[in-house]
Amino acid sequence: MENTNKLESGFQINKIMLVESSFSRKNHVELETYITNINIEVGVNVDGMVVTVEEEISVEQKVQEIEQVKIKVKMVGIFECTGDSPIKDLDVFGKVNGAAIIFPYIREHITNLSLKSGLRAIILPPVNFTKNK
């Protein structure tokens, strides 16, 4: 019996790759009363049915305006529209869906960098990319 309840988005992930990663910290980090600044930038390029999404996240932790920790990670995802999709605007797909697919990879990388440096885990909060439409 054929399964007629297939869930297909009409898109496939061709590649997700780390293209930039930088980390710096002070030797003696004071993070008792720190402020964390998170900046997310998403760029989309559409070429035919191929959507390239570049997502960069920067994290800074400061104490009294003195930078303690700085992390910058950039990943690129390449997606291809391979079938019928309810999402017709490929730019919107990149800004919302593509960015949401890449985000957990960046989040994991930032957490691993912070732990490997001897700090407590920096875990980014969830992000609602639907605001990027």
Protein backbone atom coordinates (compact mmCIF):
# COMPACT_ATOMS: atom_id res chain seq x y z
CA MET A 1 0.00 0.00 0.00
CA GLU A 2 1.42 3.35 -1.03
CA ASN A 3 1.93 6.01 1.63
CA THR A 4 -0.04 9.05 0.50
CA ASN A 5 0.89 11.13 3.57
CA LYS A 6 4.39 12.03 2.38
CA LEU A 7 5.81 15.19 3.89
CA GLU A 8 7.99 16.85 1.30
CA SER A 9 9.06 20.45 1.39
CA GLY A 10 10.14 20.61 -2.23
CA PHE A 11 13.66 21.60 -1.10
CA GLN A 12 16.80 19.63 -0.43
CA ILE A 13 19.94 20.57 1.46
CA ASN A 14 22.93 20.30 -0.86
CA LYS A 15 25.55 21.48 1.62
CA ILE A 16 26.03 23.22 4.96
CA MET A 17 29.56 24.42 5.59
CA LEU A 18 31.54 26.40 8.13
CA VAL A 19 33.29 29.27 6.34
CA GLU A 20 34.51 31.40 9.24
CA SER A 21 35.05 30.89 12.96
CA SER A 22 36.86 33.18 15.37
CA PHE A 23 37.11 33.15 19.13
CA SER A 24 38.87 35.39 21.62
CA ARG A 25 38.76 35.74 25.39
CA LYS A 26 40.65 37.42 28.18
CA ASN A 27 43.00 35.22 30.20
CA HIS A 28 41.03 35.92 33.36
CA VAL A 29 37.36 36.14 32.44
CA GLU A 30 35.00 37.79 34.93
CA LEU A 31 31.48 36.78 34.05
CA GLU A 32 29.62 37.23 37.31
CA THR A 33 27.67 40.27 36.04
CA TYR A 34 28.11 40.22 32.30
CA ILE A 35 26.07 41.52 29.40
CA THR A 36 25.73 39.32 26.32
CA ASN A 37 25.20 40.89 22.91
CA ILE A 38 24.10 38.64 20.06
CA ASN A 39 23.99 39.81 16.44
CA ILE A 40 22.56 37.70 13.62
CA GLU A 41 22.96 38.55 9.93
CA VAL A 42 21.42 36.55 7.09
CA GLY A 43 22.20 37.02 3.41
CA VAL A 44 20.43 35.21 0.59
CA ASN A 45 21.41 34.69 -3.05
CA VAL A 46 19.03 33.00 -5.48
CA ASP A 47 20.38 31.56 -8.74
CA GLY A 48 17.68 29.72 -10.64
CA MET A 49 16.39 27.04 -8.27
CA VAL A 50 19.47 27.15 -6.01
CA VAL A 51 19.30 29.22 -2.81
CA THR A 52 22.54 30.11 -1.03
CA VAL A 53 22.12 31.32 2.55
CA GLU A 54 24.97 32.96 4.46
CA GLU A 55 24.36 33.26 8.19
CA GLU A 56 26.74 35.01 10.57
CA ILE A 57 26.32 35.17 14.33
CA SER A 58 28.48 37.27 16.64
CA VAL A 59 28.43 36.91 20.42
CA GLU A 60 30.12 39.34 22.80
CA GLN A 61 30.16 39.13 26.57
CA LYS A 62 31.19 42.27 28.42
CA VAL A 63 31.65 43.32 32.02
CA GLN A 64 31.47 47.09 32.57
CA GLU A 65 32.07 47.71 28.84
CA ILE A 66 35.22 45.54 28.89
CA GLU A 67 35.02 42.71 26.38
CA GLN A 68 35.58 39.33 28.02
CA VAL A 69 34.58 36.93 25.24
CA LYS A 70 34.02 37.42 21.51
CA ILE A 71 32.85 34.73 19.08
CA LYS A 72 32.01 35.07 15.39
CA VAL A 73 30.77 32.15 13.30
CA LYS A 74 29.68 32.17 9.66
CA MET A 75 28.10 29.23 7.88
CA VAL A 76 26.72 28.86 4.38
CA GLY A 77 23.90 26.56 3.35
CA ILE A 78 23.13 25.64 -0.23
CA PHE A 79 19.56 24.53 -0.87
CA GLU A 80 17.81 23.49 -4.06
CA CYS A 81 14.15 23.61 -4.96
CA THR A 82 13.56 20.11 -6.36
CA GLY A 83 9.82 19.77 -6.37
CA ASP A 84 6.53 21.44 -5.79
CA SER A 85 6.66 23.63 -2.70
CA PRO A 86 4.07 25.87 -1.08
CA ILE A 87 6.91 28.41 -0.73
CA LYS A 88 7.19 30.13 -4.10
CA ASP A 89 9.43 33.03 -3.08
CA LEU A 90 12.92 31.52 -2.86
CA ASP A 91 14.32 34.64 -1.17
CA VAL A 92 11.79 34.23 1.66
CA PHE A 93 12.68 30.52 1.89
CA GLY A 94 16.33 31.51 2.38
CA LYS A 95 15.65 34.20 4.98
CA VAL A 96 13.26 32.09 7.04
CA ASN A 97 13.64 28.35 6.41
CA GLY A 98 17.27 28.31 5.29
CA ALA A 99 18.38 30.48 8.20
CA ALA A 100 16.40 28.32 10.65
CA ILE A 101 18.03 25.15 9.27
CA ILE A 102 21.58 26.57 9.60
CA PHE A 103 21.03 28.10 13.06
CA PRO A 104 21.38 24.89 15.15
CA TYR A 105 24.75 24.15 13.52
CA ILE A 106 26.05 27.60 14.47
CA ARG A 107 24.51 27.33 17.93
CA GLU A 108 26.27 24.00 18.53
CA HIS A 109 29.60 25.38 17.26
CA ILE A 110 29.41 28.39 19.60
CA THR A 111 28.56 26.15 22.56
CA ASN A 112 31.50 23.86 21.78
CA LEU A 113 33.92 26.78 21.41
CA SER A 114 32.91 28.19 24.79
CA LEU A 115 33.25 24.83 26.54
CA LYS A 116 36.61 24.02 24.93
CA SER A 117 37.96 27.39 26.10
CA GLY A 118 37.21 26.54 29.73
CA LEU A 119 34.15 28.78 30.02
CA ARG A 120 30.68 27.68 30.96
CA ALA A 121 28.52 26.83 27.97
CA ILE A 122 27.24 29.70 25.87
CA ILE A 123 23.89 28.44 24.59
CA LEU A 124 22.08 30.75 22.21
CA PRO A 125 18.34 31.14 22.76
CA PRO A 126 15.94 30.00 20.03
CA VAL A 127 15.35 32.50 17.22
CA ASN A 128 12.13 33.11 15.29
CA PHE A 129 13.31 33.70 11.73
CA THR A 130 9.77 34.39 10.44
CA LYS A 131 10.45 38.02 11.37
CA ASN A 132 12.96 38.09 8.48
CA LYS A 133 10.28 37.96 5.76
